Amino acid sequence: IVASDDLIDAGVIFGTGFAPFRGGPIHYVRETGKQKLG
């Protein structure tokens, strides 16, 4: 839908106010652990 995973994070942070201190949804999945969240 956009050119990169960084741009997904940017769009959701600046378009919805998604918790900036978590770095964006894709970044949050990677940092928290995709296995744990999965």
Full PDB file with SEQRES, HELIX, SHEET, SSBOND, CRYST1, ORIGX, SCALE, CONECT and MASTER records, all heavy atoms in Angstrom:
SEQRES   1 A   38  ILE VAL ALA SER ASP ASP LEU ILE ASP ALA GLY VAL ILE          
SEQRES   2 A   38  PHE GLY THR GLY PHE ALA PRO PHE ARG GLY GLY PRO ILE          
SEQRES   3 A   38  HIS TYR VAL ARG GLU THR GLY LYS GLN LYS LEU GLY              
HELIX    1 AA1 ASP A    5  THR A   16  1                                  12    
HELIX    2 AA2 PRO A   20  ARG A   22  5                                   3    
HELIX    3 AA3 PRO A   25  THR A   32  1                                   8    
HELIX    4 AA4 LYS A   34  LEU A   37  1                                   4    
CRYST1    1.000    1.000    1.000  90.00  90.00  90.00 P 1           1          
ORIGX1      1.000000  0.000000  0.000000        0.00000                         
ORIGX2      0.000000  1.000000  0.000000        0.00000                         
ORIGX3      0.000000  0.000000  1.000000        0.00000                         
SCALE1      1.000000  0.000000  0.000000        0.00000                         
SCALE2      0.000000  1.000000  0.000000        0.00000                         
SCALE3      0.000000  0.000000  1.000000        0.00000                         
ATOM      1  N   ILE A   1       0.839  -1.208   0.000  1.00  0.00           N  
ATOM      2  CA  ILE A   1       0.000   0.000   0.000  1.00  0.00           C  
ATOM      3  C   ILE A   1       0.872   1.256   0.000  1.00  0.00           C  
ATOM      4  O   ILE A   1       0.526   2.275  -0.598  1.00  0.00           O  
ATOM      5  CB  ILE A   1      -0.965   0.001   1.204  1.00  0.00           C  
ATOM      6  CG1 ILE A   1      -1.869  -1.244   1.179  1.00  0.00           C  
ATOM      7  CG2 ILE A   1      -1.807   1.268   1.233  1.00  0.00           C  
ATOM      8  CD1 ILE A   1      -2.749  -1.341  -0.046  1.00  0.00           C  
ATOM      9  N   VAL A   2       2.006   1.192   0.693  1.00  0.00           N  
ATOM     10  CA  VAL A   2       3.027   2.242   0.600  1.00  0.00           C  
ATOM     11  C   VAL A   2       4.351   1.571   0.270  1.00  0.00           C  
ATOM     12  O   VAL A   2       4.449   0.343   0.247  1.00  0.00           O  
ATOM     13  CB  VAL A   2       3.138   3.077   1.900  1.00  0.00           C  
ATOM     14  CG1 VAL A   2       1.893   3.908   2.126  1.00  0.00           C  
ATOM     15  CG2 VAL A   2       3.409   2.192   3.106  1.00  0.00           C  
ATOM     16  N   ALA A   3       5.393   2.387   0.065  1.00  0.00           N  
ATOM     17  CA  ALA A   3       6.632   1.856  -0.491  1.00  0.00           C  
ATOM     18  C   ALA A   3       7.485   1.064   0.499  1.00  0.00           C  
ATOM     19  O   ALA A   3       8.339   0.283   0.083  1.00  0.00           O  
ATOM     20  CB  ALA A   3       7.461   3.001  -1.071  1.00  0.00           C  
ATOM     21  N   SER A   4       7.282   1.239   1.804  1.00  0.00           N  
ATOM     22  CA  SER A   4       8.149   0.552   2.765  1.00  0.00           C  
ATOM     23  C   SER A   4       7.441   0.396   4.108  1.00  0.00           C  
ATOM     24  O   SER A   4       6.436   1.058   4.384  1.00  0.00           O  
ATOM     25  CB  SER A   4       9.450   1.330   2.967  1.00  0.00           C  
ATOM     26  OG  SER A   4       9.204   2.538   3.667  1.00  0.00           O  
ATOM     27  N   ASP A   5       8.008  -0.470   4.958  1.00  0.00           N  
ATOM     28  CA  ASP A   5       7.447  -0.653   6.301  1.00  0.00           C  
ATOM     29  C   ASP A   5       7.615   0.620   7.137  1.00  0.00           C  
ATOM     30  O   ASP A   5       6.765   0.939   7.977  1.00  0.00           O  
ATOM     31  CB  ASP A   5       8.064  -1.859   7.008  1.00  0.00           C  
ATOM     32  CG  ASP A   5       9.580  -1.886   6.925  1.00  0.00           C  
ATOM     33  OD1 ASP A   5      10.159  -0.999   6.287  1.00  0.00           O  
ATOM     34  OD2 ASP A   5      10.179  -2.816   7.499  1.00  0.00           O  
ATOM     35  N   ASP A   6       8.722   1.374   6.922  1.00  0.00           N  
ATOM     36  CA  ASP A   6       8.888   2.640   7.634  1.00  0.00           C  
ATOM     37  C   ASP A   6       7.751   3.608   7.318  1.00  0.00           C  
ATOM     38  O   ASP A   6       7.275   4.334   8.198  1.00  0.00           O  
ATOM     39  CB  ASP A   6      10.216   3.304   7.250  1.00  0.00           C  
ATOM     40  CG  ASP A   6      11.398   2.740   8.036  1.00  0.00           C  
ATOM     41  OD1 ASP A   6      11.174   1.945   8.958  1.00  0.00           O  
ATOM     42  OD2 ASP A   6      12.541   3.095   7.709  1.00  0.00           O  
ATOM     43  N   LEU A   7       7.309   3.625   6.059  1.00  0.00           N  
ATOM     44  CA  LEU A   7       6.234   4.543   5.681  1.00  0.00           C  
ATOM     45  C   LEU A   7       4.890   4.102   6.260  1.00  0.00           C  
ATOM     46  O   LEU A   7       4.016   4.941   6.498  1.00  0.00           O  
ATOM     47  CB  LEU A   7       6.157   4.670   4.162  1.00  0.00           C  
ATOM     48  CG  LEU A   7       7.328   5.428   3.519  1.00  0.00           C  
ATOM     49  CD1 LEU A   7       7.200   5.451   2.004  1.00  0.00           C  
ATOM     50  CD2 LEU A   7       7.426   6.861   4.062  1.00  0.00           C  
ATOM     51  N   ILE A   8       4.702   2.794   6.485  1.00  0.00           N  
ATOM     52  CA  ILE A   8       3.497   2.352   7.212  1.00  0.00           C  
ATOM     53  C   ILE A   8       3.520   2.928   8.620  1.00  0.00           C  
ATOM     54  O   ILE A   8       2.533   3.498   9.101  1.00  0.00           O  
ATOM     55  CB  ILE A   8       3.405   0.819   7.246  1.00  0.00           C  
ATOM     56  CG1 ILE A   8       3.013   0.283   5.872  1.00  0.00           C  
ATOM     57  CG2 ILE A   8       2.389   0.348   8.303  1.00  0.00           C  
ATOM     58  CD1 ILE A   8       2.879  -1.212   5.787  1.00  0.00           C  
ATOM     59  N   ASP A   9       4.661   2.785   9.289  1.00  0.00           N  
ATOM     60  CA  ASP A   9       4.774   3.319  10.650  1.00  0.00           C  
ATOM     61  C   ASP A   9       4.548   4.836  10.660  1.00  0.00           C  
ATOM     62  O   ASP A   9       3.821   5.357  11.518  1.00  0.00           O  
ATOM     63  CB  ASP A   9       6.150   2.989  11.226  1.00  0.00           C  
ATOM     64  CG  ASP A   9       6.286   1.520  11.627  1.00  0.00           C  
ATOM     65  OD1 ASP A   9       5.253   0.844  11.761  1.00  0.00           O  
ATOM     66  OD2 ASP A   9       7.428   1.055  11.812  1.00  0.00           O  
ATOM     67  N   ALA A  10       5.144   5.537   9.700  1.00  0.00           N  
ATOM     68  CA  ALA A  10       4.985   6.996   9.643  1.00  0.00           C  
ATOM     69  C   ALA A  10       3.527   7.373   9.429  1.00  0.00           C  
ATOM     70  O   ALA A  10       2.994   8.267  10.097  1.00  0.00           O  
ATOM     71  CB  ALA A  10       5.852   7.572   8.517  1.00  0.00           C  
ATOM     72  N   GLY A  11       2.853   6.695   8.495  1.00  0.00           N  
ATOM     73  CA  GLY A  11       1.458   7.009   8.204  1.00  0.00           C  
ATOM     74  C   GLY A  11       0.550   6.804   9.397  1.00  0.00           C  
ATOM     75  O   GLY A  11      -0.323   7.632   9.694  1.00  0.00           O  
ATOM     76  N   VAL A  12       0.754   5.698  10.122  1.00  0.00           N  
ATOM     77  CA  VAL A  12      -0.120   5.395  11.257  1.00  0.00           C  
ATOM     78  C   VAL A  12       0.169   6.330  12.434  1.00  0.00           C  
ATOM     79  O   VAL A  12      -0.749   6.756  13.138  1.00  0.00           O  
ATOM     80  CB  VAL A  12       0.012   3.911  11.663  1.00  0.00           C  
ATOM     81  CG1 VAL A  12      -0.854   3.592  12.872  1.00  0.00           C  
ATOM     82  CG2 VAL A  12      -0.382   3.014  10.494  1.00  0.00           C  
ATOM     83  N   ILE A  13       1.432   6.688  12.643  1.00  0.00           N  
ATOM     84  CA  ILE A  13       1.762   7.619  13.736  1.00  0.00           C  
ATOM     85  C   ILE A  13       1.192   9.005  13.446  1.00  0.00           C  
ATOM     86  O   ILE A  13       0.508   9.600  14.290  1.00  0.00           O  
ATOM     87  CB  ILE A  13       3.290   7.704  13.941  1.00  0.00           C  
ATOM     88  CG1 ILE A  13       3.823   6.405  14.537  1.00  0.00           C  
ATOM     89  CG2 ILE A  13       3.651   8.878  14.856  1.00  0.00           C  
ATOM     90  CD1 ILE A  13       5.332   6.287  14.514  1.00  0.00           C  
ATOM     91  N   PHE A  14       1.451   9.533  12.252  1.00  0.00           N  
ATOM     92  CA  PHE A  14       1.053  10.910  11.958  1.00  0.00           C  
ATOM     93  C   PHE A  14      -0.395  11.028  11.485  1.00  0.00           C  
ATOM     94  O   PHE A  14      -0.950  12.123  11.466  1.00  0.00           O  
ATOM     95  CB  PHE A  14       2.004  11.526  10.934  1.00  0.00           C  
ATOM     96  CG  PHE A  14       3.406  11.687  11.456  1.00  0.00           C  
ATOM     97  CD1 PHE A  14       4.454  10.938  10.933  1.00  0.00           C  
ATOM     98  CD2 PHE A  14       3.681  12.562  12.489  1.00  0.00           C  
ATOM     99  CE1 PHE A  14       5.743  11.065  11.427  1.00  0.00           C  
ATOM    100  CE2 PHE A  14       4.962  12.703  12.987  1.00  0.00           C  
ATOM    101  CZ  PHE A  14       5.999  11.949  12.457  1.00  0.00           C  
ATOM    102  N   GLY A  15      -1.009   9.898  11.114  1.00  0.00           N  
ATOM    103  CA  GLY A  15      -2.402   9.923  10.685  1.00  0.00           C  
ATOM    104  C   GLY A  15      -3.394   9.547  11.763  1.00  0.00           C  
ATOM    105  O   GLY A  15      -4.568   9.913  11.681  1.00  0.00           O  
ATOM    106  N   THR A  16      -2.935   8.811  12.790  1.00  0.00           N  
ATOM    107  CA  THR A  16      -3.852   8.378  13.858  1.00  0.00           C  
ATOM    108  C   THR A  16      -3.377   8.784  15.246  1.00  0.00           C  
ATOM    109  O   THR A  16      -4.148   8.706  16.197  1.00  0.00           O  
ATOM    110  CB  THR A  16      -4.029   6.845  13.866  1.00  0.00           C  
ATOM    111  OG1 THR A  16      -2.838   6.229  14.376  1.00  0.00           O  
ATOM    112  CG2 THR A  16      -4.320   6.298  12.484  1.00  0.00           C  
ATOM    113  N   GLY A  17      -2.092   9.183  15.371  1.00  0.00           N  
ATOM    114  CA  GLY A  17      -1.545   9.457  16.688  1.00  0.00           C  
ATOM    115  C   GLY A  17      -1.080   8.201  17.392  1.00  0.00           C  
ATOM    116  O   GLY A  17      -0.832   8.213  18.603  1.00  0.00           O  
ATOM    117  N   PHE A  18      -0.951   7.080  16.653  1.00  0.00           N  
ATOM    118  CA  PHE A  18      -0.476   5.828  17.252  1.00  0.00           C  
ATOM    119  C   PHE A  18       0.754   6.098  18.120  1.00  0.00           C  
ATOM    120  O   PHE A  18       1.723   6.701  17.669  1.00  0.00           O  
ATOM    121  CB  PHE A  18      -0.116   4.828  16.148  1.00  0.00           C  
ATOM    122  CG  PHE A  18       0.413   3.504  16.659  1.00  0.00           C  
ATOM    123  CD1 PHE A  18      -0.458   2.446  16.891  1.00  0.00           C  
ATOM    124  CD2 PHE A  18       1.760   3.311  16.894  1.00  0.00           C  
ATOM    125  CE1 PHE A  18       0.026   1.227  17.354  1.00  0.00           C  
ATOM    126  CE2 PHE A  18       2.247   2.105  17.356  1.00  0.00           C  
ATOM    127  CZ  PHE A  18       1.376   1.049  17.586  1.00  0.00           C  
ATOM    128  N   ALA A  19       0.688   5.634  19.367  1.00  0.00           N  
ATOM    129  CA  ALA A  19       1.714   5.845  20.394  1.00  0.00           C  
ATOM    130  C   ALA A  19       3.121   6.078  19.828  1.00  0.00           C  
ATOM    131  O   ALA A  19       3.822   5.117  19.505  1.00  0.00           O  
ATOM    132  CB  ALA A  19       1.724   4.626  21.318  1.00  0.00           C  
ATOM    133  N   PRO A  20       3.566   7.336  19.703  1.00  0.00           N  
ATOM    134  CA  PRO A  20       4.874   7.599  19.087  1.00  0.00           C  
ATOM    135  C   PRO A  20       6.031   6.919  19.812  1.00  0.00           C  
ATOM    136  O   PRO A  20       6.991   6.491  19.186  1.00  0.00           O  
ATOM    137  CB  PRO A  20       5.006   9.125  19.163  1.00  0.00           C  
ATOM    138  CG  PRO A  20       3.594   9.618  19.239  1.00  0.00           C  
ATOM    139  CD  PRO A  20       2.854   8.580  20.038  1.00  0.00           C  
ATOM    140  N   PHE A  21       5.904   6.796  21.134  1.00  0.00           N  
ATOM    141  CA  PHE A  21       7.007   6.208  21.903  1.00  0.00           C  
ATOM    142  C   PHE A  21       7.184   4.718  21.622  1.00  0.00           C  
ATOM    143  O   PHE A  21       8.161   4.104  22.063  1.00  0.00           O  
ATOM    144  CB  PHE A  21       6.792   6.437  23.409  1.00  0.00           C  
ATOM    145  CG  PHE A  21       5.623   5.692  23.987  1.00  0.00           C  
ATOM    146  CD1 PHE A  21       5.778   4.434  24.544  1.00  0.00           C  
ATOM    147  CD2 PHE A  21       4.354   6.256  23.957  1.00  0.00           C  
ATOM    148  CE1 PHE A  21       4.698   3.753  25.066  1.00  0.00           C  
ATOM    149  CE2 PHE A  21       3.265   5.582  24.483  1.00  0.00           C  
ATOM    150  CZ  PHE A  21       3.435   4.324  25.030  1.00  0.00           C  
ATOM    151  N   ARG A  22       6.254   4.122  20.858  1.00  0.00           N  
ATOM    152  CA  ARG A  22       6.393   2.714  20.459  1.00  0.00           C  
ATOM    153  C   ARG A  22       6.981   2.574  19.053  1.00  0.00           C  
ATOM    154  O   ARG A  22       7.256   1.460  18.610  1.00  0.00           O  
ATOM    155  CB  ARG A  22       5.041   1.998  20.538  1.00  0.00           C  
ATOM    156  CG  ARG A  22       4.463   1.968  21.969  1.00  0.00           C  
ATOM    157  CD  ARG A  22       3.269   1.043  22.073  1.00  0.00           C  
ATOM    158  NE  ARG A  22       2.600   1.140  23.355  1.00  0.00           N  
ATOM    159  CZ  ARG A  22       2.966   0.480  24.456  1.00  0.00           C  
ATOM    160  NH1 ARG A  22       4.021  -0.315  24.422  1.00  0.00           N  
ATOM    161  NH2 ARG A  22       2.289   0.621  25.581  1.00  0.00           N  
ATOM    162  N   GLY A  23       7.153   3.679  18.339  1.00  0.00           N  
ATOM    163  CA  GLY A  23       7.882   3.660  17.075  1.00  0.00           C  
ATOM    164  C   GLY A  23       7.107   3.223  15.849  1.00  0.00           C  
ATOM    165  O   GLY A  23       7.682   3.104  14.773  1.00  0.00           O  
ATOM    166  N   GLY A  24       5.786   2.980  15.982  1.00  0.00           N  
ATOM    167  CA  GLY A  24       4.978   2.546  14.842  1.00  0.00           C  
ATOM    168  C   GLY A  24       4.602   1.074  14.947  1.00  0.00           C  
ATOM    169  O   GLY A  24       5.276   0.292  15.624  1.00  0.00           O  
ATOM    170  N   PRO A  25       3.508   0.653  14.304  1.00  0.00           N  
ATOM    171  CA  PRO A  25       2.995  -0.715  14.480  1.00  0.00           C  
ATOM    172  C   PRO A  25       3.938  -1.816  14.002  1.00  0.00           C  
ATOM    173  O   PRO A  25       4.111  -2.829  14.684  1.00  0.00           O  
ATOM    174  CB  PRO A  25       1.681  -0.727  13.683  1.00  0.00           C  
ATOM    175  CG  PRO A  25       1.754   0.461  12.781  1.00  0.00           C  
ATOM    176  CD  PRO A  25       2.619   1.465  13.460  1.00  0.00           C  
ATOM    177  N   ILE A  26       4.563  -1.656  12.834  1.00  0.00           N  
ATOM    178  CA  ILE A  26       5.474  -2.692  12.335  1.00  0.00           C  
ATOM    179  C   ILE A  26       6.709  -2.778  13.232  1.00  0.00           C  
ATOM    180  O   ILE A  26       7.165  -3.873  13.612  1.00  0.00           O  
ATOM    181  CB  ILE A  26       5.878  -2.416  10.873  1.00  0.00           C  
ATOM    182  CG1 ILE A  26       4.641  -2.351   9.964  1.00  0.00           C  
ATOM    183  CG2 ILE A  26       6.859  -3.478  10.384  1.00  0.00           C  
ATOM    184  CD1 ILE A  26       3.857  -3.631   9.863  1.00  0.00           C  
ATOM    185  N   HIS A  27       7.241  -1.623  13.598  1.00  0.00           N  
ATOM    186  CA  HIS A  27       8.398  -1.577  14.508  1.00  0.00           C  
ATOM    187  C   HIS A  27       8.037  -2.211  15.857  1.00  0.00           C  
ATOM    188  O   HIS A  27       8.847  -2.948  16.437  1.00  0.00           O  
ATOM    189  CB  HIS A  27       8.826  -0.125  14.695  1.00  0.00           C  
ATOM    190  CG  HIS A  27      10.024   0.058  15.567  1.00  0.00           C  
ATOM    191  ND1 HIS A  27      11.307  -0.233  15.152  1.00  0.00           N  
ATOM    192  CD2 HIS A  27      10.139   0.500  16.857  1.00  0.00           C  
ATOM    193  CE1 HIS A  27      12.158   0.030  16.132  1.00  0.00           C  
ATOM    194  NE2 HIS A  27      11.473   0.474  17.170  1.00  0.00           N  
ATOM    195  N   TYR A  28       6.827  -1.950  16.333  1.00  0.00           N  
ATOM    196  CA  TYR A  28       6.393  -2.488  17.623  1.00  0.00           C  
ATOM    197  C   TYR A  28       6.331  -4.022  17.588  1.00  0.00           C  
ATOM    198  O   TYR A  28       6.747  -4.696  18.539  1.00  0.00           O  
ATOM    199  CB  TYR A  28       5.016  -1.913  17.985  1.00  0.00           C  
ATOM    200  CG  TYR A  28       4.409  -2.497  19.240  1.00  0.00           C  
ATOM    201  CD1 TYR A  28       4.917  -2.172  20.483  1.00  0.00           C  
ATOM    202  CD2 TYR A  28       3.335  -3.382  19.171  1.00  0.00           C  
ATOM    203  CE1 TYR A  28       4.370  -2.716  21.640  1.00  0.00           C  
ATOM    204  CE2 TYR A  28       2.778  -3.923  20.308  1.00  0.00           C  
ATOM    205  CZ  TYR A  28       3.307  -3.586  21.544  1.00  0.00           C  
ATOM    206  OH  TYR A  28       2.771  -4.133  22.682  1.00  0.00           O  
ATOM    207  N   VAL A  29       5.842  -4.575  16.489  1.00  0.00           N  
ATOM    208  CA  VAL A  29       5.786  -6.042  16.364  1.00  0.00           C  
ATOM    209  C   VAL A  29       7.189  -6.626  16.428  1.00  0.00           C  
ATOM    210  O   VAL A  29       7.442  -7.614  17.136  1.00  0.00           O  
ATOM    211  CB  VAL A  29       5.088  -6.459  15.050  1.00  0.00           C  
ATOM    212  CG1 VAL A  29       5.220  -7.965  14.828  1.00  0.00           C  
ATOM    213  CG2 VAL A  29       3.617  -6.070  15.069  1.00  0.00           C  
ATOM    214  N   ARG A  30       8.118  -6.020  15.713  1.00  0.00           N  
ATOM    215  CA  ARG A  30       9.487  -6.542  15.697  1.00  0.00           C  
ATOM    216  C   ARG A  30      10.165  -6.401  17.057  1.00  0.00           C  
ATOM    217  O   ARG A  30      10.882  -7.299  17.494  1.00  0.00           O  
ATOM    218  CB  ARG A  30      10.289  -5.807  14.623  1.00  0.00           C  
ATOM    219  CG  ARG A  30       9.876  -6.206  13.205  1.00  0.00           C  
ATOM    220  CD  ARG A  30      10.610  -5.409  12.162  1.00  0.00           C  
ATOM    221  NE  ARG A  30      10.293  -5.917  10.819  1.00  0.00           N  
ATOM    222  CZ  ARG A  30      10.221  -5.160   9.741  1.00  0.00           C  
ATOM    223  NH1 ARG A  30      10.438  -3.863   9.825  1.00  0.00           N  
ATOM    224  NH2 ARG A  30       9.938  -5.692   8.560  1.00  0.00           N  
ATOM    225  N   GLU A  31       9.940  -5.264  17.715  1.00  0.00           N  
ATOM    226  CA  GLU A  31      10.583  -5.026  19.000  1.00  0.00           C  
ATOM    227  C   GLU A  31       9.995  -5.905  20.100  1.00  0.00           C  
ATOM    228  O   GLU A  31      10.717  -6.407  20.963  1.00  0.00           O  
ATOM    229  CB  GLU A  31      10.459  -3.550  19.387  1.00  0.00           C  
ATOM    230  CG  GLU A  31      11.302  -2.606  18.552  1.00  0.00           C  
ATOM    231  CD  GLU A  31      12.781  -2.777  18.798  1.00  0.00           C  
ATOM    232  OE1 GLU A  31      13.228  -2.554  19.940  1.00  0.00           O  
ATOM    233  OE2 GLU A  31      13.499  -3.159  17.847  1.00  0.00           O  
ATOM    234  N   THR A  32       8.687  -6.077  20.083  1.00  0.00           N  
ATOM    235  CA  THR A  32       8.024  -6.875  21.123  1.00  0.00           C  
ATOM    236  C   THR A  32       8.246  -8.362  20.883  1.00  0.00           C  
ATOM    237  O   THR A  32       8.334  -9.153  21.838  1.00  0.00           O  
ATOM    238  CB  THR A  32       6.510  -6.560  21.148  1.00  0.00           C  
ATOM    239  OG1 THR A  32       6.333  -5.154  21.294  1.00  0.00           O  
ATOM    240  CG2 THR A  32       5.820  -7.270  22.311  1.00  0.00           C  
ATOM    241  N   GLY A  33       8.323  -8.737  19.622  1.00  0.00           N  
ATOM    242  CA  GLY A  33       8.525 -10.144  19.266  1.00  0.00           C  
ATOM    243  C   GLY A  33       7.322 -10.693  18.524  1.00  0.00           C  
ATOM    244  O   GLY A  33       6.233 -10.793  19.107  1.00  0.00           O  
ATOM    245  N   LYS A  34       7.534 -11.033  17.241  1.00  0.00           N  
ATOM    246  CA  LYS A  34       6.399 -11.506  16.442  1.00  0.00           C  
ATOM    247  C   LYS A  34       5.868 -12.843  16.949  1.00  0.00           C  
ATOM    248  O   LYS A  34       4.679 -13.125  16.824  1.00  0.00           O  
ATOM    249  CB  LYS A  34       6.789 -11.602  14.966  1.00  0.00           C  
ATOM    250  CG  LYS A  34       7.845 -12.641  14.645  1.00  0.00           C  
ATOM    251  CD  LYS A  34       8.131 -12.678  13.153  1.00  0.00           C  
ATOM    252  CE  LYS A  34       9.153 -13.771  12.819  1.00  0.00           C  
ATOM    253  NZ  LYS A  34       9.439 -13.819  11.377  1.00  0.00           N  
ATOM    254  N   GLN A  35       6.743 -13.649  17.561  1.00  0.00           N  
ATOM    255  CA  GLN A  35       6.288 -14.939  18.095  1.00  0.00           C  
ATOM    256  C   GLN A  35       5.345 -14.733  19.275  1.00  0.00           C  
ATOM    257  O   GLN A  35       4.272 -15.333  19.351  1.00  0.00           O  
ATOM    258  CB  GLN A  35       7.493 -15.778  18.525  1.00  0.00           C  
ATOM    259  CG  GLN A  35       7.136 -17.202  18.958  1.00  0.00           C  
ATOM    260  CD  GLN A  35       6.556 -18.030  17.829  1.00  0.00           C  
ATOM    261  OE1 GLN A  35       7.126 -18.086  16.750  1.00  0.00           O  
ATOM    262  NE2 GLN A  35       5.409 -18.640  18.059  1.00  0.00           N  
ATOM    263  N   LYS A  36       5.744 -13.856  20.182  1.00  0.00           N  
ATOM    264  CA  LYS A  36       4.935 -13.570  21.374  1.00  0.00           C  
ATOM    265  C   LYS A  36       3.570 -12.996  20.980  1.00  0.00           C  
ATOM    266  O   LYS A  36       2.517 -13.453  21.460  1.00  0.00           O  
ATOM    267  CB  LYS A  36       5.688 -12.585  22.269  1.00  0.00           C  
ATOM    268  CG  LYS A  36       4.919 -12.129  23.501  1.00  0.00           C  
ATOM    269  CD  LYS A  36       5.735 -11.114  24.296  1.00  0.00           C  
ATOM    270  CE  LYS A  36       4.932 -10.556  25.456  1.00  0.00           C  
ATOM    271  NZ  LYS A  36       5.716  -9.527  26.208  1.00  0.00           N  
ATOM    272  N   LEU A  37       3.583 -11.997  20.091  1.00  0.00           N  
ATOM    273  CA  LEU A  37       2.326 -11.372  19.676  1.00  0.00           C  
ATOM    274  C   LEU A  37       1.509 -12.322  18.804  1.00  0.00           C  
ATOM    275  O   LEU A  37       0.275 -12.343  18.881  1.00  0.00           O  
ATOM    276  CB  LEU A  37       2.609 -10.073  18.919  1.00  0.00           C  
ATOM    277  CG  LEU A  37       3.214  -8.931  19.750  1.00  0.00           C  
ATOM    278  CD1 LEU A  37       3.610  -7.757  18.868  1.00  0.00           C  
ATOM    279  CD2 LEU A  37       2.247  -8.470  20.836  1.00  0.00           C  
ATOM    280  N   GLY A  38       2.189 -13.118  17.976  1.00  0.00           N  
ATOM    281  CA  GLY A  38       1.486 -14.094  17.135  1.00  0.00           C  
ATOM    282  C   GLY A  38       0.763 -15.144  17.972  1.00  0.00           C  
ATOM    283  O   GLY A  38      -0.364 -15.540  17.641  1.00  0.00           O  
TER     284      GLY A  38                                                      
MASTER        0    0    0    4    0    0    0    6  283    1    0    3          
END                                                                             
